[in-house]
Amino acid sequence: ALACLRPRAQDTALETMDATAKAHIGIQKLLQAEQDAAEIVAKAKQDKVARLKQAKAEADEEIAAYKAQRQAQFEVFSKDKLGDSGAHSKTTQSATEEELLLISQQVAGNKDTMMNMLLQSVTEVSV
């Protein structure tokens, strides 16, 4: 009867060792799968960041092109509506010079009259 028990005990011990080895292998597979998943997630994050940077760069280029186009349209509109700023400046300058000349002529013409009026008001004493 004892001889019959031993092979079963050995079988149980082998089965326990075999189950432990299988559990260890299973744990190793789970750890490896977790590491693989972490690498996949990290790679996905890197790809997402790269795509976002590329999208931002493309958007910046589009914005710059649109801004340049609108600036060119504005310059054309400004020239049409306001005229050349150099010509406008020259016109304003000549009008200013003409007005200054006219004022100088009026001052020269009325200088004697104003001097007499000032002298008369200073020298006259009211009692």
Foldseek 3Di string as FASTA:
>chain_A
DVVVVVVVVVVVVVVVVVVVVVVVVVVVVVVVVVVVVVVVVVVVVVVVVVVVVVVVVVVVVVVVVVVVVVVVVVVVVCCVPVNDVVVVVVVVVVVVVVVVVVVVVVCVVCVVVVVVVVVCVVPDDDD
